[in-house]
């Protein structure tokens, strides 16, 4: 039953105007030139020259309340300690729109660690049942980095949507990211690492058995 519901919810999320994904399918040059730049608006779009478009969505059920999951994933926009990221700079407070967080990542496509700033663009709290939805985007653009072979490259940006809902005795969690990158970044692996860490913390807190029901990654 939960797997059927997960498929139904994720299909709805991916097909709705808010969460469907833009596309950079090959087209003739006149059509391609007419496409808007990729960004937070969900539509057919064109990445900057030298970038390719990709999207990934991950979802699953945790056998815990949405409030318990929210206390881990969304205690504050500036707190990413639960996934081992050290936020070095912040602006704004809690979930104030426009708040930002900056952290450093190791990326094998870059010769040195990259510093990433994310900016909160929307946030809605489900007060009665627990849970939330929010969007954020890469804020330190234009972004340039050096590849290990010495070549210079640029990132066109990434945009994310996250939703947590209470469904019976379970919480349904969805995270989708679309991006314009010039080298491959393992968003799928990063999403799954975050889901696994949430499950581990819930188990450590005695609030679940550490399982994720119907964990699925697409894209």
N, C-alpha and C. Protein backbone atom coordinates (compact mmCIF):
# COMPACT_ATOMS: atom_id res chain seq x y z
N UNK A 1 0.82 -1.20 0.00
CA UNK A 1 0.00 0.00 0.00
C UNK A 1 0.86 1.26 0.00
N UNK A 2 1.89 1.28 0.87
CA UNK A 2 2.76 2.45 0.94
C UNK A 2 3.54 2.63 -0.35
N UNK A 3 3.98 1.52 -0.96
CA UNK A 3 4.73 1.62 -2.22
C UNK A 3 3.83 2.20 -3.31
N UNK A 4 2.56 1.76 -3.34
CA UNK A 4 1.63 2.30 -4.33
C UNK A 4 1.43 3.80 -4.09
N UNK A 5 1.33 4.19 -2.82
CA UNK A 5 1.13 5.59 -2.50
C UNK A 5 2.37 6.41 -2.85
N UNK A 6 3.55 5.83 -2.61
CA UNK A 6 4.79 6.53 -2.96
C UNK A 6 4.87 6.80 -4.45
N UNK A 7 4.52 5.78 -5.24
CA UNK A 7 4.54 5.94 -6.69
C UNK A 7 3.54 7.00 -7.12
N UNK A 8 2.35 6.97 -6.49
CA UNK A 8 1.32 7.94 -6.83
C UNK A 8 1.75 9.37 -6.48
N UNK A 9 2.28 9.54 -5.26
CA UNK A 9 2.72 10.87 -4.82
C UNK A 9 3.86 11.39 -5.66
N UNK A 10 4.84 10.53 -5.95
CA UNK A 10 6.00 10.99 -6.72
C UNK A 10 5.60 11.30 -8.15
N UNK A 11 4.69 10.51 -8.72
CA UNK A 11 4.23 10.80 -10.08
C UNK A 11 3.50 12.13 -10.12
N UNK A 12 2.69 12.38 -9.10
CA UNK A 12 1.99 13.67 -9.02
C UNK A 12 3.00 14.81 -8.90
N UNK A 13 4.00 14.63 -8.04
CA UNK A 13 5.00 15.68 -7.82
C UNK A 13 5.78 15.98 -9.09
N UNK A 14 6.17 14.95 -9.81
CA UNK A 14 6.99 15.15 -11.00
C UNK A 14 6.18 15.68 -12.18
N UNK A 15 4.86 15.45 -12.15
CA UNK A 15 4.03 15.89 -13.27
C UNK A 15 3.39 17.25 -13.05
N UNK A 16 3.37 17.72 -11.80
CA UNK A 16 2.69 18.98 -11.51
C UNK A 16 3.49 20.16 -12.02
N UNK A 17 2.84 21.30 -12.25
CA UNK A 17 3.55 22.48 -12.74
C UNK A 17 4.68 22.92 -11.83
N UNK A 18 4.56 22.65 -10.51
CA UNK A 18 5.59 23.10 -9.58
C UNK A 18 6.84 22.23 -9.67
N UNK A 19 6.66 20.93 -9.92
CA UNK A 19 7.78 20.01 -9.80
C UNK A 19 8.21 19.31 -11.07
N UNK A 20 7.52 19.52 -12.18
CA UNK A 20 7.96 18.88 -13.42
C UNK A 20 9.29 19.50 -13.84
N UNK A 21 10.00 18.86 -14.74
CA UNK A 21 11.36 19.28 -15.04
C UNK A 21 11.52 19.85 -16.43
N UNK A 22 12.41 20.83 -16.58
CA UNK A 22 12.72 21.34 -17.91
C UNK A 22 13.50 20.32 -18.71
N UNK A 23 13.66 20.58 -19.99
CA UNK A 23 14.33 19.62 -20.86
C UNK A 23 15.26 20.31 -21.83
N UNK A 24 16.42 19.72 -22.05
CA UNK A 24 17.36 20.24 -23.05
C UNK A 24 17.52 19.24 -24.18
N UNK A 25 16.43 18.66 -24.63
CA UNK A 25 16.50 17.72 -25.73
C UNK A 25 17.00 18.43 -26.98
N UNK A 26 17.62 17.67 -27.88
CA UNK A 26 18.19 18.28 -29.08
C UNK A 26 17.08 18.83 -29.97
N UNK A 27 17.27 20.06 -30.43
CA UNK A 27 16.31 20.71 -31.30
C UNK A 27 17.09 21.48 -32.36
N UNK A 28 16.35 21.98 -33.36
CA UNK A 28 17.05 22.78 -34.34
C UNK A 28 17.48 24.09 -33.69
N UNK A 29 18.47 24.76 -34.29
CA UNK A 29 19.12 25.91 -33.66
C UNK A 29 18.14 27.05 -33.41
N UNK A 30 17.16 27.26 -34.30
CA UNK A 30 16.23 28.36 -34.11
C UNK A 30 15.36 28.14 -32.88
N UNK A 31 14.94 26.88 -32.65
CA UNK A 31 14.13 26.56 -31.47
C UNK A 31 14.96 26.67 -30.22
N UNK A 32 16.19 26.14 -30.27
CA UNK A 32 17.07 26.15 -29.10
C UNK A 32 17.37 27.58 -28.66
N UNK A 33 17.63 28.46 -29.63
CA UNK A 33 17.95 29.85 -29.29
C UNK A 33 16.75 30.57 -28.67
N UNK A 34 15.55 30.05 -28.91
CA UNK A 34 14.35 30.70 -28.39
C UNK A 34 14.05 30.28 -26.95
N UNK A 35 14.69 29.23 -26.46
CA UNK A 35 14.42 28.74 -25.11
C UNK A 35 14.98 29.70 -24.07
N UNK A 36 14.27 29.88 -22.96
CA UNK A 36 14.80 30.70 -21.87
C UNK A 36 15.93 29.97 -21.14
N UNK A 37 16.71 30.71 -20.39
CA UNK A 37 17.77 30.10 -19.60
C UNK A 37 17.17 29.25 -18.49
N UNK A 38 17.83 28.15 -18.16
CA UNK A 38 17.36 27.29 -17.07
C UNK A 38 17.44 28.06 -15.75
N UNK A 39 16.51 27.77 -14.87
CA UNK A 39 16.46 28.46 -13.59
C UNK A 39 15.39 27.86 -12.70
N UNK A 40 14.95 28.60 -11.70
CA UNK A 40 13.97 28.06 -10.75
C UNK A 40 12.59 27.84 -11.35
N UNK A 41 12.27 28.53 -12.44
CA UNK A 41 10.98 28.33 -13.10
C UNK A 41 11.03 27.03 -13.88
N UNK A 42 10.05 26.17 -13.68
CA UNK A 42 10.04 24.86 -14.32
C UNK A 42 9.46 24.98 -15.72
N UNK A 43 10.32 24.82 -16.72
CA UNK A 43 9.92 24.96 -18.11
C UNK A 43 11.02 24.39 -19.00
N UNK A 44 10.72 24.20 -20.28
CA UNK A 44 11.78 23.84 -21.21
C UNK A 44 12.79 24.97 -21.22
N UNK A 45 14.08 24.63 -21.19
CA UNK A 45 15.09 25.66 -20.98
C UNK A 45 16.41 25.29 -21.63
N UNK A 46 17.31 26.24 -21.64
CA UNK A 46 18.62 26.06 -22.24
C UNK A 46 19.71 26.38 -21.21
N UNK A 47 20.61 25.43 -21.00
CA UNK A 47 21.75 25.66 -20.11
C UNK A 47 22.77 26.57 -20.82
N UNK A 48 23.63 27.24 -20.07
CA UNK A 48 24.69 28.04 -20.69
C UNK A 48 25.59 27.17 -21.56
N UNK A 49 26.26 27.78 -22.50
CA UNK A 49 27.18 27.04 -23.37
C UNK A 49 28.23 26.33 -22.53
N UNK A 50 28.48 25.08 -22.87
CA UNK A 50 29.46 24.29 -22.14
C UNK A 50 28.89 23.54 -20.96
N UNK A 51 27.59 23.75 -20.67
CA UNK A 51 26.90 23.05 -19.58
C UNK A 51 25.88 22.07 -20.16
N UNK A 52 25.57 21.03 -19.39
CA UNK A 52 24.52 20.10 -19.77
C UNK A 52 23.48 20.06 -18.67
N UNK A 53 22.25 19.75 -19.06
CA UNK A 53 21.13 19.72 -18.12
C UNK A 53 20.98 18.33 -17.52
N UNK A 54 20.69 18.25 -16.22
CA UNK A 54 20.36 16.97 -15.59
C UNK A 54 19.37 17.21 -14.46
N UNK A 55 18.63 16.17 -14.11
CA UNK A 55 17.70 16.27 -12.98
C UNK A 55 17.66 14.93 -12.26
N UNK A 56 17.39 14.98 -10.97
CA UNK A 56 17.28 13.77 -10.15
C UNK A 56 16.22 14.01 -9.09
N UNK A 57 15.44 12.99 -8.80
CA UNK A 57 14.44 13.05 -7.73
C UNK A 57 14.55 11.79 -6.89
N UNK A 58 14.54 11.96 -5.57
CA UNK A 58 14.62 10.83 -4.65
C UNK A 58 13.47 10.94 -3.66
N UNK A 59 12.82 9.79 -3.37
CA UNK A 59 11.70 9.81 -2.42
C UNK A 59 11.62 8.49 -1.69
N UNK A 60 10.94 8.51 -0.54
CA UNK A 60 10.75 7.30 0.24
C UNK A 60 9.99 7.62 1.51
N UNK A 61 9.59 6.56 2.23
CA UNK A 61 8.86 6.69 3.49
C UNK A 61 9.77 6.34 4.67
N UNK A 62 9.71 7.16 5.72
CA UNK A 62 10.36 6.83 6.98
C UNK A 62 9.29 6.41 7.98
N UNK A 63 9.51 5.31 8.73
CA UNK A 63 8.53 4.91 9.75
C UNK A 63 8.68 5.76 11.00
N UNK A 64 8.40 7.04 10.84
CA UNK A 64 8.50 8.02 11.93
C UNK A 64 7.60 9.19 11.56
N UNK A 65 7.34 10.04 12.53
CA UNK A 65 6.47 11.18 12.25
C UNK A 65 7.20 12.23 11.43
N UNK A 66 6.42 13.04 10.70
CA UNK A 66 7.01 14.12 9.91
C UNK A 66 7.72 15.12 10.83
N UNK A 67 7.18 15.33 12.02
CA UNK A 67 7.80 16.25 12.96
C UNK A 67 9.19 15.75 13.38
N UNK A 68 9.31 14.44 13.54
CA UNK A 68 10.62 13.88 13.91
C UNK A 68 11.62 14.05 12.78
N UNK A 69 11.18 13.80 11.55
CA UNK A 69 12.06 13.97 10.40
C UNK A 69 12.41 15.44 10.21
N UNK A 70 11.42 16.31 10.38
CA UNK A 70 11.65 17.74 10.21
C UNK A 70 12.65 18.27 11.23
N UNK A 71 12.65 17.72 12.44
CA UNK A 71 13.59 18.18 13.46
C UNK A 71 15.03 17.88 13.06
N UNK A 72 15.21 16.93 12.15
CA UNK A 72 16.56 16.58 11.66
C UNK A 72 16.90 17.40 10.42
N UNK A 73 16.00 17.40 9.45
CA UNK A 73 16.31 17.99 8.15
C UNK A 73 16.07 19.49 8.07
N UNK A 74 15.22 20.02 8.94
CA UNK A 74 14.83 21.43 8.80
C UNK A 74 14.67 22.10 10.16
N UNK A 75 15.68 21.94 11.02
CA UNK A 75 15.66 22.68 12.27
C UNK A 75 16.01 24.14 12.00
N UNK A 76 16.84 24.36 10.99
CA UNK A 76 17.22 25.70 10.54
C UNK A 76 17.83 25.56 9.16
N UNK A 77 17.63 26.55 8.29
CA UNK A 77 18.21 26.49 6.95
C UNK A 77 19.73 26.48 7.00
N UNK A 78 20.30 27.04 8.05
CA UNK A 78 21.76 27.16 8.16
C UNK A 78 22.43 25.92 8.75
N UNK A 79 21.64 24.92 9.17
CA UNK A 79 22.20 23.74 9.84
C UNK A 79 22.22 22.54 8.91
N UNK A 80 23.43 22.14 8.49
CA UNK A 80 23.60 20.94 7.66
C UNK A 80 24.50 19.93 8.36
N UNK A 81 24.62 20.06 9.67
CA UNK A 81 25.53 19.18 10.41
C UNK A 81 25.08 17.72 10.36
N UNK A 82 23.78 17.48 10.17
CA UNK A 82 23.29 16.10 10.16
C UNK A 82 23.83 15.30 8.97
N UNK A 83 24.31 15.99 7.93
CA UNK A 83 24.93 15.27 6.81
C UNK A 83 26.44 15.53 6.75
N UNK A 84 26.98 16.09 7.81
CA UNK A 84 28.42 16.25 7.90
C UNK A 84 28.99 17.45 7.17
N UNK A 85 28.13 18.41 6.79
CA UNK A 85 28.62 19.61 6.12
C UNK A 85 28.75 20.75 7.13
N UNK A 86 29.89 21.41 7.10
CA UNK A 86 30.16 22.52 8.01
C UNK A 86 29.82 23.83 7.31
N UNK A 87 28.74 24.47 7.73
CA UNK A 87 28.35 25.76 7.16
C UNK A 87 29.27 26.83 7.72
N UNK A 88 29.98 27.52 6.84
CA UNK A 88 30.99 28.49 7.26
C UNK A 88 30.49 29.92 7.28
N UNK A 89 29.37 30.19 6.59
CA UNK A 89 28.83 31.55 6.57
C UNK A 89 27.33 31.49 6.34
N UNK A 90 26.59 32.35 7.00
CA UNK A 90 25.14 32.38 6.83
C UNK A 90 24.66 33.83 6.80
N UNK A 91 23.48 34.02 6.19
CA UNK A 91 22.75 35.28 6.28
C UNK A 91 21.31 34.94 6.59
N UNK A 92 20.59 35.86 7.23
CA UNK A 92 19.20 35.60 7.57
C UNK A 92 19.08 34.71 8.79
N UNK A 93 17.85 34.42 9.18
CA UNK A 93 17.58 33.60 10.35
C UNK A 93 16.54 32.54 10.04
N UNK A 94 16.76 31.35 10.62
CA UNK A 94 15.82 30.24 10.48
C UNK A 94 15.44 30.01 9.01
N UNK A 95 14.17 30.25 8.65
CA UNK A 95 13.72 30.02 7.27
C UNK A 95 13.20 31.31 6.64
N UNK A 96 13.89 32.39 6.93
CA UNK A 96 13.56 33.66 6.30
C UNK A 96 13.95 33.62 4.83
N UNK A 97 13.01 33.96 3.94
CA UNK A 97 13.26 33.92 2.51
C UNK A 97 14.45 34.83 2.18
N UNK A 98 15.37 34.31 1.38
CA UNK A 98 16.58 35.05 1.05
C UNK A 98 17.76 34.68 1.93
N UNK A 99 17.52 33.88 2.98
CA UNK A 99 18.62 33.42 3.82
C UNK A 99 19.59 32.59 2.99
N UNK A 100 20.85 32.59 3.38
CA UNK A 100 21.85 31.83 2.63
C UNK A 100 22.73 31.02 3.56
N UNK A 101 23.33 29.97 3.00
CA UNK A 101 24.31 29.15 3.72
C UNK A 101 25.44 28.82 2.78
N UNK A 102 26.66 28.86 3.29
CA UNK A 102 27.84 28.59 2.47
C UNK A 102 28.64 27.46 3.11
N UNK A 103 29.06 26.51 2.28
CA UNK A 103 29.83 25.37 2.76
C UNK A 103 30.81 24.95 1.66
N UNK A 104 31.75 24.11 2.03
CA UNK A 104 32.78 23.65 1.08
C UNK A 104 32.60 22.16 0.79
N UNK A 105 32.77 21.79 -0.47
CA UNK A 105 32.62 20.40 -0.91
C UNK A 105 33.86 19.93 -1.66
N UNK A 106 34.20 18.67 -1.47
CA UNK A 106 35.19 18.01 -2.32
C UNK A 106 34.49 17.52 -3.57
N UNK A 107 35.07 17.79 -4.73
CA UNK A 107 34.47 17.37 -6.00
C UNK A 107 35.60 16.92 -6.91
N UNK A 108 35.54 15.68 -7.38
CA UNK A 108 36.66 15.15 -8.16
C UNK A 108 36.83 15.84 -9.50
N UNK A 109 35.83 16.61 -9.94
CA UNK A 109 35.95 17.35 -11.20
C UNK A 109 36.74 18.65 -11.03
N UNK A 110 36.96 19.06 -9.80
CA UNK A 110 37.66 20.31 -9.52
C UNK A 110 39.01 20.03 -8.86
N UNK A 111 39.99 20.84 -9.17
CA UNK A 111 41.34 20.63 -8.62
C UNK A 111 41.42 20.98 -7.14
N UNK A 112 40.49 21.80 -6.65
CA UNK A 112 40.44 22.18 -5.25
C UNK A 112 39.01 22.09 -4.75
N UNK A 113 38.80 22.00 -3.43
CA UNK A 113 37.43 22.02 -2.90
C UNK A 113 36.68 23.26 -3.38
N UNK A 114 35.39 23.10 -3.64
CA UNK A 114 34.59 24.22 -4.11
C UNK A 114 33.72 24.76 -2.98
N UNK A 115 33.54 26.07 -2.95
CA UNK A 115 32.70 26.72 -1.96
C UNK A 115 31.34 27.01 -2.60
N UNK A 116 30.28 26.52 -1.98
CA UNK A 116 28.93 26.63 -2.54
C UNK A 116 28.05 27.46 -1.61
N UNK A 117 27.32 28.39 -2.18
CA UNK A 117 26.32 29.16 -1.43
C UNK A 117 24.94 28.80 -1.94
N UNK A 118 24.04 28.46 -1.02
CA UNK A 118 22.66 28.16 -1.35
C UNK A 118 21.75 29.22 -0.74
N UNK A 119 20.75 29.64 -1.50
CA UNK A 119 19.83 30.70 -1.07
C UNK A 119 18.41 30.14 -1.01
N UNK A 120 17.73 30.36 0.11
CA UNK A 120 16.35 29.90 0.28
C UNK A 120 15.41 30.81 -0.51
N UNK A 121 14.56 30.20 -1.35
CA UNK A 121 13.66 30.99 -2.19
C UNK A 121 12.19 30.87 -1.80
N UNK A 122 11.77 29.72 -1.25
CA UNK A 122 10.41 29.59 -0.70
C UNK A 122 10.46 28.64 0.48
N UNK A 123 9.52 28.80 1.41
CA UNK A 123 9.39 27.88 2.55
C UNK A 123 7.95 27.91 3.05
N UNK A 124 7.33 26.73 3.18
CA UNK A 124 5.98 26.60 3.70
C UNK A 124 5.95 25.49 4.74
N UNK A 125 5.48 25.81 5.93
CA UNK A 125 5.45 24.86 7.03
C UNK A 125 4.04 24.28 7.17
N UNK A 126 3.93 22.95 7.28
CA UNK A 126 2.64 22.31 7.51
C UNK A 126 2.44 22.20 9.02
N UNK A 127 1.86 23.19 9.64
CA UNK A 127 1.83 23.29 11.10
C UNK A 127 0.98 22.20 11.74
N UNK A 128 -0.15 21.83 11.14
CA UNK A 128 -1.06 20.89 11.78
C UNK A 128 -0.52 19.47 11.81
N UNK A 129 -0.01 19.00 10.66
CA UNK A 129 0.42 17.60 10.57
C UNK A 129 1.93 17.43 10.68
N UNK A 130 2.67 18.52 10.59
CA UNK A 130 4.12 18.40 10.54
C UNK A 130 4.56 18.28 9.10
N UNK A 131 5.76 18.70 8.82
CA UNK A 131 6.28 18.66 7.47
C UNK A 131 6.39 20.06 6.88
N UNK A 132 6.85 20.12 5.63
CA UNK A 132 7.12 21.40 4.99
C UNK A 132 7.37 21.18 3.50
N UNK A 133 7.45 22.27 2.75
CA UNK A 133 8.07 22.23 1.42
C UNK A 133 8.90 23.50 1.27
N UNK A 134 10.00 23.40 0.54
CA UNK A 134 10.84 24.56 0.34
C UNK A 134 11.65 24.41 -0.94
N UNK A 135 12.10 25.56 -1.44
CA UNK A 135 12.97 25.57 -2.62
C UNK A 135 14.19 26.42 -2.30
N UNK A 136 15.31 26.06 -2.91
CA UNK A 136 16.52 26.85 -2.78
C UNK A 136 17.34 26.71 -4.06
N UNK A 137 18.33 27.59 -4.20
CA UNK A 137 19.13 27.60 -5.42
C UNK A 137 20.57 28.00 -5.12
N UNK A 138 21.45 27.69 -6.06
CA UNK A 138 22.84 28.11 -5.94
C UNK A 138 22.91 29.63 -6.05
N UNK A 139 23.59 30.26 -5.10
CA UNK A 139 23.60 31.70 -5.04
C UNK A 139 24.87 32.37 -5.53
N UNK A 140 26.00 31.65 -5.47
CA UNK A 140 27.27 32.28 -5.86
C UNK A 140 27.58 32.03 -7.34
N UNK A 141 26.77 32.71 -8.17
CA UNK A 141 26.91 32.62 -9.63
C UNK A 141 27.29 33.98 -10.19
N UNK A 142 28.04 34.05 -11.28
CA UNK A 142 28.63 32.93 -12.03
C UNK A 142 29.72 32.23 -11.22
N UNK A 143 29.83 30.92 -11.42
CA UNK A 143 30.76 30.10 -10.65
C UNK A 143 31.78 29.46 -11.58
N UNK A 144 33.05 29.71 -11.31
CA UNK A 144 34.14 29.14 -12.12
C UNK A 144 35.02 28.26 -11.25
N UNK A 145 35.59 27.23 -11.84
CA UNK A 145 36.52 26.35 -11.13
C UNK A 145 37.55 25.81 -12.12
N UNK A 146 38.60 25.23 -11.59
CA UNK A 146 39.67 24.67 -12.41
C UNK A 146 39.64 23.15 -12.33
N UNK A 147 39.63 22.50 -13.48
CA UNK A 147 39.68 21.05 -13.52
C UNK A 147 41.08 20.55 -13.17
N UNK A 148 41.22 19.27 -12.79
CA UNK A 148 42.54 18.74 -12.46
C UNK A 148 43.56 18.88 -13.60
N UNK A 149 43.09 18.91 -14.85
CA UNK A 149 44.01 19.05 -15.99
C UNK A 149 44.36 20.51 -16.29
N UNK A 150 43.85 21.44 -15.46
CA UNK A 150 44.17 22.85 -15.62
C UNK A 150 43.16 23.64 -16.42
N UNK A 151 42.18 22.98 -17.04
CA UNK A 151 41.15 23.69 -17.81
C UNK A 151 40.21 24.45 -16.89
N UNK A 152 39.74 25.58 -17.36
CA UNK A 152 38.75 26.36 -16.62
C UNK A 152 37.35 25.92 -17.04
N UNK A 153 36.45 25.87 -16.08
CA UNK A 153 35.07 25.46 -16.36
C UNK A 153 34.12 26.30 -15.52
N UNK A 154 32.84 26.30 -15.91
CA UNK A 154 31.84 27.10 -15.21
C UNK A 154 30.59 26.26 -14.92
N UNK A 155 29.90 26.64 -13.86
CA UNK A 155 28.64 26.02 -13.47
C UNK A 155 27.51 27.01 -13.75
N UNK A 156 26.44 26.52 -14.39
CA UNK A 156 25.30 27.38 -14.69
C UNK A 156 24.32 27.50 -13.54
N UNK A 157 24.40 26.58 -12.57
CA UNK A 157 23.54 26.66 -11.39
C UNK A 157 22.78 25.37 -11.12
N UNK A 158 22.20 25.30 -9.93
CA UNK A 158 21.29 24.20 -9.60
C UNK A 158 20.16 24.75 -8.76
N UNK A 159 19.03 24.00 -8.78
CA UNK A 159 17.81 24.41 -8.09
C UNK A 159 17.20 23.18 -7.45
N UNK A 160 16.68 23.32 -6.23
CA UNK A 160 16.16 22.16 -5.50
C UNK A 160 14.78 22.42 -4.92
N UNK A 161 14.01 21.34 -4.84
CA UNK A 161 12.70 21.34 -4.19
C UNK A 161 12.67 20.19 -3.19
N UNK A 162 12.14 20.44 -2.00
CA UNK A 162 12.07 19.41 -0.97
C UNK A 162 10.69 19.46 -0.33
N UNK A 163 10.11 18.28 -0.10
CA UNK A 163 8.80 18.22 0.54
C UNK A 163 8.75 17.06 1.52
N UNK A 164 8.16 17.34 2.69
CA UNK A 164 7.97 16.33 3.73
C UNK A 164 6.51 16.37 4.15
N UNK A 165 5.85 15.19 4.10
CA UNK A 165 4.43 15.11 4.46
C UNK A 165 4.20 13.96 5.43
N UNK A 166 3.22 14.14 6.32
CA UNK A 166 2.77 13.05 7.16
C UNK A 166 1.76 12.22 6.37
N UNK A 167 1.97 10.90 6.30
CA UNK A 167 1.06 9.99 5.61
C UNK A 167 0.76 8.83 6.55
N UNK A 168 -0.37 8.90 7.25
CA UNK A 168 -0.67 7.88 8.25
C UNK A 168 0.37 7.92 9.36
N UNK A 169 0.97 6.76 9.64
CA UNK A 169 2.00 6.67 10.67
C UNK A 169 3.41 6.88 10.10
N UNK A 170 3.49 7.26 8.84
CA UNK A 170 4.78 7.40 8.16
C UNK A 170 4.96 8.83 7.67
N UNK A 171 6.19 9.15 7.32
CA UNK A 171 6.47 10.44 6.70
C UNK A 171 7.03 10.19 5.30
N UNK A 172 6.48 10.91 4.34
CA UNK A 172 6.92 10.81 2.95
C UNK A 172 7.85 11.98 2.66
N UNK A 173 9.04 11.69 2.14
CA UNK A 173 10.05 12.72 1.89
C UNK A 173 10.47 12.67 0.43
N UNK A 174 10.42 13.83 -0.22
CA UNK A 174 10.80 13.96 -1.63
C UNK A 174 11.82 15.08 -1.77
N UNK A 175 12.87 14.82 -2.53
CA UNK A 175 13.88 15.84 -2.80
C UNK A 175 14.23 15.76 -4.29
N UNK A 176 14.06 16.86 -4.99
CA UNK A 176 14.39 16.90 -6.41
C UNK A 176 15.37 18.04 -6.68
N UNK A 177 16.30 17.81 -7.59
CA UNK A 177 17.31 18.81 -7.96
C UNK A 177 17.48 18.81 -9.47
N UNK A 178 17.49 19.98 -10.08
CA UNK A 178 17.82 20.09 -11.51
C UNK A 178 18.97 21.08 -11.64
N UNK A 179 19.81 20.87 -12.66
CA UNK A 179 21.07 21.62 -12.68
C UNK A 179 21.61 21.82 -14.09
N UNK A 180 22.51 22.80 -14.21
CA UNK A 180 23.31 23.03 -15.41
C UNK A 180 24.78 22.99 -14.97
N UNK A 181 25.45 21.88 -15.27
CA UNK A 181 26.84 21.68 -14.87
C UNK A 181 27.69 21.38 -16.09
N UNK A 182 28.97 21.67 -15.98
CA UNK A 182 29.89 21.36 -17.07
C UNK A 182 30.64 20.05 -16.83
N UNK A 183 30.54 19.49 -15.64
CA UNK A 183 31.07 18.17 -15.31
C UNK A 183 30.05 17.45 -14.47
N UNK A 184 30.13 16.13 -14.42
CA UNK A 184 29.14 15.34 -13.69
C UNK A 184 29.32 15.51 -12.18
N UNK A 185 28.22 15.83 -11.52
CA UNK A 185 28.17 15.83 -10.06
C UNK A 185 27.17 14.75 -9.65
N UNK A 186 27.54 13.92 -8.69
CA UNK A 186 26.71 12.77 -8.31
C UNK A 186 25.57 13.20 -7.38
N UNK A 187 24.58 13.90 -7.95
CA UNK A 187 23.43 14.31 -7.15
C UNK A 187 22.66 13.09 -6.64
N UNK A 188 22.57 12.03 -7.44
CA UNK A 188 21.85 10.82 -7.01
C UNK A 188 22.47 10.24 -5.75
N UNK A 189 23.79 10.08 -5.78
CA UNK A 189 24.49 9.54 -4.61
C UNK A 189 24.36 10.45 -3.40
N UNK A 190 24.40 11.76 -3.63
CA UNK A 190 24.28 12.72 -2.54
C UNK A 190 22.89 12.66 -1.92
N UNK A 191 21.86 12.58 -2.76
CA UNK A 191 20.50 12.45 -2.25
C UNK A 191 20.37 11.20 -1.38
N UNK A 192 20.85 10.07 -1.88
CA UNK A 192 20.70 8.81 -1.16
C UNK A 192 21.49 8.81 0.14
N UNK A 193 22.65 9.47 0.15
CA UNK A 193 23.42 9.61 1.38
C UNK A 193 22.62 10.37 2.44
N UNK A 194 21.94 11.44 2.03
CA UNK A 194 21.13 12.24 2.96
C UNK A 194 19.98 11.40 3.51
N UNK A 195 19.29 10.66 2.64
CA UNK A 195 18.19 9.82 3.11
C UNK A 195 18.70 8.78 4.11
N UNK A 196 19.84 8.17 3.82
CA UNK A 196 20.40 7.16 4.72
C UNK A 196 20.78 7.77 6.06
N UNK A 197 21.31 8.98 6.03
CA UNK A 197 21.70 9.64 7.28
C UNK A 197 20.48 9.97 8.12
N UNK A 198 19.39 10.40 7.49
CA UNK A 198 18.15 10.66 8.23
C UNK A 198 17.69 9.39 8.93
N UNK A 199 17.69 8.27 8.21
CA UNK A 199 17.27 6.98 8.78
C UNK A 199 18.16 6.59 9.95
N UNK A 200 19.46 6.81 9.82
CA UNK A 200 20.40 6.47 10.90
C UNK A 200 20.11 7.29 12.16
N UNK A 201 19.88 8.58 11.98
CA UNK A 201 19.64 9.46 13.13
C UNK A 201 18.31 9.09 13.81
N UNK A 202 17.28 8.81 13.01
CA UNK A 202 16.01 8.40 13.59
C UNK A 202 16.17 7.14 14.44
N UNK A 203 16.99 6.21 13.95
CA UNK A 203 17.24 4.99 14.72
C UNK A 203 18.02 5.29 15.99
N UNK A 204 19.04 6.15 15.88
CA UNK A 204 19.82 6.53 17.06
C UNK A 204 18.95 7.19 18.12
N UNK A 205 17.96 7.94 17.68
CA UNK A 205 17.05 8.63 18.60
C UNK A 205 15.94 7.72 19.12
N UNK A 206 15.89 6.47 18.64
CA UNK A 206 14.86 5.54 19.07
C UNK A 206 13.49 5.84 18.50
N UNK A 207 13.45 6.56 17.36
CA UNK A 207 12.17 6.95 16.76
C UNK A 207 11.78 6.13 15.54
N UNK A 208 12.67 5.23 15.09
CA UNK A 208 12.34 4.32 13.99
C UNK A 208 13.31 3.15 14.03
N UNK A 209 13.09 2.18 13.14
CA UNK A 209 13.98 1.02 13.07
C UNK A 209 15.13 1.25 12.10
N UNK A 210 15.23 2.46 11.54
CA UNK A 210 16.32 2.77 10.62
C UNK A 210 16.05 2.41 9.18
N UNK A 211 14.83 2.03 8.86
CA UNK A 211 14.51 1.63 7.49
C UNK A 211 13.98 2.81 6.68
N UNK A 212 14.04 2.65 5.35
CA UNK A 212 13.41 3.60 4.42
C UNK A 212 12.57 2.74 3.47
N UNK A 213 11.28 2.95 3.48
CA UNK A 213 10.39 2.12 2.68
C UNK A 213 10.21 2.75 1.30
N UNK A 214 10.44 1.94 0.27
CA UNK A 214 10.24 2.40 -1.10
C UNK A 214 11.21 3.44 -1.57
N UNK A 215 12.43 3.43 -1.05
CA UNK A 215 13.44 4.41 -1.47
C UNK A 215 13.67 4.30 -2.98
N UNK A 216 13.48 5.40 -3.68
CA UNK A 216 13.57 5.41 -5.14
C UNK A 216 14.30 6.67 -5.59
N UNK A 217 15.21 6.50 -6.54
CA UNK A 217 15.86 7.64 -7.15
C UNK A 217 15.67 7.56 -8.66
N UNK A 218 15.22 8.65 -9.26
CA UNK A 218 15.04 8.71 -10.69
C UNK A 218 15.93 9.80 -11.28
N UNK A 219 16.29 9.66 -12.56
CA UNK A 219 17.12 10.66 -13.20
C UNK A 219 18.58 10.27 -13.23
